[in-house]
Amino acid sequence: MEMRKKKLPIGIEDFEKLRTEDFYYIDKTEFIKVLLCNWGEVNLFTRPRRFGKSLNMSMLEYFFH
């Protein structure tokens, strides 16, 4: 039996596409868990350029939708 390899999500910023098109995705930050446990009226999400802000926002939108 041959195992099918998943694709690497290079340059993809749409979390739904990661889920529906069988890409690898591992969130080692526990981002959603931390956000839910430390919820505030206003949350500021800062990250350096090219460090996944768009993907994190897409992940949150997909999770809460």
PDB file of N, CA and C in Angstrom:
ATOM      1  N   MET A   1       0.846  -1.178   0.000  1.00  0.00           N
ATOM      2  CA  MET A   1       0.000   0.000   0.000  1.00  0.00           C
ATOM      3  C   MET A   1       0.891   1.240   0.000  1.00  0.00           C
ATOM      4  N   GLU A   2       0.668   2.117  -0.930  1.00  0.00           N
ATOM      5  CA  GLU A   2       1.472   3.332  -1.050  1.00  0.00           C
ATOM      6  C   GLU A   2       0.799   4.483  -0.312  1.00  0.00           C
ATOM      7  N   MET A   3       1.586   5.173   0.527  1.00  0.00           N
ATOM      8  CA  MET A   3       1.045   6.334   1.238  1.00  0.00           C
ATOM      9  C   MET A   3       1.144   7.559   0.341  1.00  0.00           C
ATOM     10  N   ARG A   4       0.072   8.306   0.279  1.00  0.00           N
ATOM     11  CA  ARG A   4       0.062   9.522  -0.514  1.00  0.00           C
ATOM     12  C   ARG A   4       0.625  10.658   0.332  1.00  0.00           C
ATOM     13  N   LYS A   5       1.552  11.398  -0.233  1.00  0.00           N
ATOM     14  CA  LYS A   5       2.160  12.506   0.492  1.00  0.00           C
ATOM     15  C   LYS A   5       1.297  13.751   0.346  1.00  0.00           C
ATOM     16  N   LYS A   6       1.168  14.479   1.436  1.00  0.00           N
ATOM     17  CA  LYS A   6       0.468  15.759   1.384  1.00  0.00           C
ATOM     18  C   LYS A   6       1.371  16.813   0.776  1.00  0.00           C
ATOM     19  N   LYS A   7       0.766  17.872   0.290  1.00  0.00           N
ATOM     20  CA  LYS A   7       1.516  18.964  -0.329  1.00  0.00           C
ATOM     21  C   LYS A   7       1.989  19.944   0.743  1.00  0.00           C
ATOM     22  N   LEU A   8       3.077  20.640   0.461  1.00  0.00           N
ATOM     23  CA  LEU A   8       3.565  21.691   1.349  1.00  0.00           C
ATOM     24  C   LEU A   8       2.874  23.001   0.976  1.00  0.00           C
ATOM     25  N   PRO A   9       2.390  23.761   1.954  1.00  0.00           N
ATOM     26  CA  PRO A   9       1.615  24.971   1.672  1.00  0.00           C
ATOM     27  C   PRO A   9       2.488  26.211   1.485  1.00  0.00           C
ATOM     28  N   ILE A  10       3.381  26.186   0.543  1.00  0.00           N
ATOM     29  CA  ILE A  10       4.293  27.304   0.327  1.00  0.00           C
ATOM     30  C   ILE A  10       3.542  28.461  -0.329  1.00  0.00           C
ATOM     31  N   GLY A  11       3.521  29.606   0.334  1.00  0.00           N
ATOM     32  CA  GLY A  11       2.900  30.810  -0.204  1.00  0.00           C
ATOM     33  C   GLY A  11       1.383  30.852  -0.116  1.00  0.00           C
ATOM     34  N   ILE A  12       0.749  29.917   0.555  1.00  0.00           N
ATOM     35  CA  ILE A  12      -0.718  29.890   0.652  1.00  0.00           C
ATOM     36  C   ILE A  12      -1.145  30.618   1.919  1.00  0.00           C
ATOM     37  N   GLU A  13      -2.053  31.577   1.773  1.00  0.00           N
ATOM     38  CA  GLU A  13      -2.525  32.383   2.902  1.00  0.00           C
ATOM     39  C   GLU A  13      -3.986  32.125   3.237  1.00  0.00           C
ATOM     40  N   ASP A  14      -4.596  31.153   2.578  1.00  0.00           N
ATOM     41  CA  ASP A  14      -6.013  30.860   2.769  1.00  0.00           C
ATOM     42  C   ASP A  14      -6.147  29.537   3.520  1.00  0.00           C
ATOM     43  N   PHE A  15      -6.576  29.607   4.778  1.00  0.00           N
ATOM     44  CA  PHE A  15      -6.652  28.416   5.614  1.00  0.00           C
ATOM     45  C   PHE A  15      -7.641  27.402   5.060  1.00  0.00           C
ATOM     46  N   GLU A  16      -8.749  27.866   4.510  1.00  0.00           N
ATOM     47  CA  GLU A  16      -9.735  26.941   3.943  1.00  0.00           C
ATOM     48  C   GLU A  16      -9.112  26.109   2.817  1.00  0.00           C
ATOM     49  N   LYS A  17      -8.282  26.735   2.001  1.00  0.00           N
ATOM     50  CA  LYS A  17      -7.603  26.022   0.922  1.00  0.00           C
ATOM     51  C   LYS A  17      -6.661  24.958   1.496  1.00  0.00           C
ATOM     52  N   LEU A  18      -5.983  25.279   2.600  1.00  0.00           N
ATOM     53  CA  LEU A  18      -5.118  24.287   3.249  1.00  0.00           C
ATOM     54  C   LEU A  18      -5.908  23.056   3.661  1.00  0.00           C
ATOM     55  N   ARG A  19      -7.098  23.285   4.207  1.00  0.00           N
ATOM     56  CA  ARG A  19      -7.931  22.186   4.691  1.00  0.00           C
ATOM     57  C   ARG A  19      -8.564  21.389   3.552  1.00  0.00           C
ATOM     58  N   THR A  20      -9.092  22.075   2.569  1.00  0.00           N
ATOM     59  CA  THR A  20      -9.847  21.387   1.527  1.00  0.00           C
ATOM     60  C   THR A  20      -8.967  20.750   0.456  1.00  0.00           C
ATOM     61  N   GLU A  21      -7.731  21.223   0.298  1.00  0.00           N
ATOM     62  CA  GLU A  21      -6.859  20.686  -0.748  1.00  0.00           C
ATOM     63  C   GLU A  21      -5.726  19.829  -0.194  1.00  0.00           C
ATOM     64  N   ASP A  22      -5.864  19.378   1.066  1.00  0.00           N
ATOM     65  CA  ASP A  22      -4.981  18.381   1.663  1.00  0.00           C
ATOM     66  C   ASP A  22      -3.512  18.804   1.750  1.00  0.00           C
ATOM     67  N   PHE A  23      -3.272  19.988   2.302  1.00  0.00           N
ATOM     68  CA  PHE A  23      -1.917  20.460   2.557  1.00  0.00           C
ATOM     69  C   PHE A  23      -1.523  20.122   3.987  1.00  0.00           C
ATOM     70  N   TYR A  24      -0.226  20.050   4.240  1.00  0.00           N
ATOM     71  CA  TYR A  24       0.261  19.951   5.613  1.00  0.00           C
ATOM     72  C   TYR A  24      -0.005  21.268   6.325  1.00  0.00           C
ATOM     73  N   TYR A  25      -0.403  21.203   7.597  1.00  0.00           N
ATOM     74  CA  TYR A  25      -0.479  22.399   8.429  1.00  0.00           C
ATOM     75  C   TYR A  25      -0.371  21.971   9.886  1.00  0.00           C
ATOM     76  N   ILE A  26       0.594  22.512  10.592  1.00  0.00           N
ATOM     77  CA  ILE A  26       0.779  22.226  12.008  1.00  0.00           C
ATOM     78  C   ILE A  26       0.885  23.555  12.737  1.00  0.00           C
ATOM     79  N   ASP A  27      -0.051  23.811  13.643  1.00  0.00           N
ATOM     80  CA  ASP A  27      -0.008  25.035  14.439  1.00  0.00           C
ATOM     81  C   ASP A  27       0.562  24.690  15.806  1.00  0.00           C
ATOM     82  N   LYS A  28       1.854  24.876  15.975  1.00  0.00           N
ATOM     83  CA  LYS A  28       2.512  24.557  17.243  1.00  0.00           C
ATOM     84  C   LYS A  28       2.365  25.693  18.256  1.00  0.00           C
ATOM     85  N   THR A  29       1.752  26.790  17.856  1.00  0.00           N
ATOM     86  CA  THR A  29       1.630  27.933  18.749  1.00  0.00           C
ATOM     87  C   THR A  29       0.430  27.837  19.677  1.00  0.00           C
ATOM     88  N   GLU A  30      -0.496  26.929  19.420  1.00  0.00           N
ATOM     89  CA  GLU A  30      -1.770  26.852  20.147  1.00  0.00           C
ATOM     90  C   GLU A  30      -2.482  28.203  20.112  1.00  0.00           C
ATOM     91  N   PHE A  31      -2.417  28.853  18.964  1.00  0.00           N
ATOM     92  CA  PHE A  31      -2.915  30.216  18.781  1.00  0.00           C
ATOM     93  C   PHE A  31      -4.385  30.374  19.190  1.00  0.00           C
ATOM     94  N   ILE A  32      -5.247  29.490  18.706  1.00  0.00           N
ATOM     95  CA  ILE A  32      -6.682  29.606  19.012  1.00  0.00           C
ATOM     96  C   ILE A  32      -6.933  29.350  20.492  1.00  0.00           C
ATOM     97  N   LYS A  33      -6.274  28.351  21.064  1.00  0.00           N
ATOM     98  CA  LYS A  33      -6.450  28.052  22.488  1.00  0.00           C
ATOM     99  C   LYS A  33      -6.046  29.247  23.353  1.00  0.00           C
ATOM    100  N   VAL A  34      -4.895  29.828  23.054  1.00  0.00           N
ATOM    101  CA  VAL A  34      -4.430  30.989  23.815  1.00  0.00           C
ATOM    102  C   VAL A  34      -5.389  32.163  23.648  1.00  0.00           C
ATOM    103  N   LEU A  35      -5.857  32.378  22.432  1.00  0.00           N
ATOM    104  CA  LEU A  35      -6.797  33.472  22.167  1.00  0.00           C
ATOM    105  C   LEU A  35      -8.089  33.288  22.954  1.00  0.00           C
ATOM    106  N   LEU A  36      -8.624  32.074  22.975  1.00  0.00           N
ATOM    107  CA  LEU A  36      -9.874  31.817  23.697  1.00  0.00           C
ATOM    108  C   LEU A  36      -9.703  31.927  25.211  1.00  0.00           C
ATOM    109  N   CYS A  37      -8.560  31.490  25.722  1.00  0.00           N
ATOM    110  CA  CYS A  37      -8.321  31.540  27.181  1.00  0.00           C
ATOM    111  C   CYS A  37      -8.006  32.953  27.666  1.00  0.00           C
ATOM    112  N   ASN A  38      -7.447  33.795  26.795  1.00  0.00           N
ATOM    113  CA  ASN A  38      -7.037  35.144  27.181  1.00  0.00           C
ATOM    114  C   ASN A  38      -7.780  36.198  26.370  1.00  0.00           C
ATOM    115  N   TRP A  39      -9.041  35.942  26.097  1.00  0.00           N
ATOM    116  CA  TRP A  39      -9.822  36.821  25.232  1.00  0.00           C
ATOM    117  C   TRP A  39      -9.937  38.217  25.831  1.00  0.00           C
ATOM    118  N   GLY A  40      -9.784  39.205  24.991  1.00  0.00           N
ATOM    119  CA  GLY A  40      -9.952  40.588  25.407  1.00  0.00           C
ATOM    120  C   GLY A  40     -10.953  41.273  24.503  1.00  0.00           C
ATOM    121  N   GLU A  41     -11.416  42.428  24.919  1.00  0.00           N
ATOM    122  CA  GLU A  41     -12.353  43.181  24.086  1.00  0.00           C
ATOM    123  C   GLU A  41     -11.694  43.590  22.775  1.00  0.00           C
ATOM    124  N   VAL A  42     -10.396  43.887  22.846  1.00  0.00           N
ATOM    125  CA  VAL A  42      -9.610  44.225  21.663  1.00  0.00           C
ATOM    126  C   VAL A  42      -8.356  43.363  21.680  1.00  0.00           C
ATOM    127  N   ASN A  43      -8.023  42.774  20.549  1.00  0.00           N
ATOM    128  CA  ASN A  43      -6.813  41.950  20.436  1.00  0.00           C
ATOM    129  C   ASN A  43      -5.950  42.502  19.319  1.00  0.00           C
ATOM    130  N   LEU A  44      -4.663  42.651  19.594  1.00  0.00           N
ATOM    131  CA  LEU A  44      -3.711  43.158  18.612  1.00  0.00           C
ATOM    132  C   LEU A  44      -2.822  42.003  18.172  1.00  0.00           C
ATOM    133  N   PHE A  45      -2.791  41.758  16.867  1.00  0.00           N
ATOM    134  CA  PHE A  45      -1.983  40.673  16.316  1.00  0.00           C
ATOM    135  C   PHE A  45      -0.828  41.283  15.540  1.00  0.00           C
ATOM    136  N   THR A  46       0.359  41.208  16.091  1.00  0.00           N
ATOM    137  CA  THR A  46       1.537  41.749  15.420  1.00  0.00           C
ATOM    138  C   THR A  46       2.511  40.615  15.142  1.00  0.00           C
ATOM    139  N   ARG A  47       3.090  40.658  13.971  1.00  0.00           N
ATOM    140  CA  ARG A  47       4.129  39.715  13.583  1.00  0.00           C
ATOM    141  C   ARG A  47       4.979  40.393  12.524  1.00  0.00           C
ATOM    142  N   PRO A  48       6.229  40.007  12.412  1.00  0.00           N
ATOM    143  CA  PRO A  48       7.064  40.575  11.356  1.00  0.00           C
ATOM    144  C   PRO A  48       6.527  40.216   9.972  1.00  0.00           C
ATOM    145  N   ARG A  49       6.978  40.937   8.975  1.00  0.00           N
ATOM    146  CA  ARG A  49       6.576  40.621   7.603  1.00  0.00           C
ATOM    147  C   ARG A  49       6.915  39.185   7.276  1.00  0.00           C
ATOM    148  N   ARG A  50       6.046  38.560   6.501  1.00  0.00           N
ATOM    149  CA  ARG A  50       6.236  37.194   6.002  1.00  0.00           C
ATOM    150  C   ARG A  50       6.218  36.140   7.107  1.00  0.00           C
ATOM    151  N   PHE A  51       5.525  36.427   8.234  1.00  0.00           N
ATOM    152  CA  PHE A  51       5.434  35.463   9.323  1.00  0.00           C
ATOM    153  C   PHE A  51       4.000  35.030   9.606  1.00  0.00           C
ATOM    154  N   GLY A  52       3.148  35.038   8.609  1.00  0.00           N
ATOM    155  CA  GLY A  52       1.865  34.378   8.724  1.00  0.00           C
ATOM    156  C   GLY A  52       0.692  35.155   9.286  1.00  0.00           C
ATOM    157  N   LYS A  53       0.702  36.481   9.241  1.00  0.00           N
ATOM    158  CA  LYS A  53      -0.460  37.225   9.745  1.00  0.00           C
ATOM    159  C   LYS A  53      -1.714  36.893   8.943  1.00  0.00           C
ATOM    160  N   SER A  54      -1.591  36.884   7.631  1.00  0.00           N
ATOM    161  CA  SER A  54      -2.754  36.616   6.778  1.00  0.00           C
ATOM    162  C   SER A  54      -3.288  35.210   7.008  1.00  0.00           C
ATOM    163  N   LEU A  55      -2.407  34.238   7.134  1.00  0.00           N
ATOM    164  CA  LEU A  55      -2.847  32.866   7.380  1.00  0.00           C
ATOM    165  C   LEU A  55      -3.495  32.743   8.754  1.00  0.00           C
ATOM    166  N   ASN A  56      -2.953  33.411   9.767  1.00  0.00           N
ATOM    167  CA  ASN A  56      -3.582  33.373  11.100  1.00  0.00           C
ATOM    168  C   ASN A  56      -4.971  33.989  11.079  1.00  0.00           C
ATOM    169  N   MET A  57      -5.144  35.095  10.390  1.00  0.00           N
ATOM    170  CA  MET A  57      -6.465  35.720  10.305  1.00  0.00           C
ATOM    171  C   MET A  57      -7.433  34.834   9.524  1.00  0.00           C
ATOM    172  N   SER A  58      -6.948  34.201   8.479  1.00  0.00           N
ATOM    173  CA  SER A  58      -7.776  33.279   7.709  1.00  0.00           C
ATOM    174  C   SER A  58      -8.173  32.072   8.559  1.00  0.00           C
ATOM    175  N   MET A  59      -7.229  31.571   9.373  1.00  0.00           N
ATOM    176  CA  MET A  59      -7.508  30.448  10.256  1.00  0.00           C
ATOM    177  C   MET A  59      -8.584  30.816  11.275  1.00  0.00           C
ATOM    178  N   LEU A  60      -8.484  32.017  11.854  1.00  0.00           N
ATOM    179  CA  LEU A  60      -9.501  32.458  12.815  1.00  0.00           C
ATOM    180  C   LEU A  60     -10.867  32.596  12.157  1.00  0.00           C
ATOM    181  N   GLU A  61     -10.899  33.173  10.981  1.00  0.00           N
ATOM    182  CA  GLU A  61     -12.169  33.326  10.252  1.00  0.00           C
ATOM    183  C   GLU A  61     -12.782  31.960   9.982  1.00  0.00           C
ATOM    184  N   TYR A  62     -11.992  31.014   9.517  1.00  0.00           N
ATOM    185  CA  TYR A  62     -12.474  29.664   9.225  1.00  0.00           C
ATOM    186  C   TYR A  62     -12.948  28.962  10.505  1.00  0.00           C
ATOM    187  N   PHE A  63     -12.223  29.130  11.606  1.00  0.00           N
ATOM    188  CA  PHE A  63     -12.569  28.497  12.872  1.00  0.00           C
ATOM    189  C   PHE A  63     -13.883  29.030  13.444  1.00  0.00           C
ATOM    190  N   PHE A  64     -14.060  30.351  13.417  1.00  0.00           N
ATOM    191  CA  PHE A  64     -15.235  30.966  14.036  1.00  0.00           C
ATOM    192  C   PHE A  64     -16.444  31.061  13.109  1.00  0.00           C
ATOM    193  N   HIS A  65     -16.284  30.718  11.865  1.00  0.00           N
ATOM    194  CA  HIS A  65     -17.396  30.825  10.904  1.00  0.00           C
ATOM    195  C   HIS A  65     -18.345  29.723  11.051  1.00  0.00           C
TER     196      HIS A  65
END
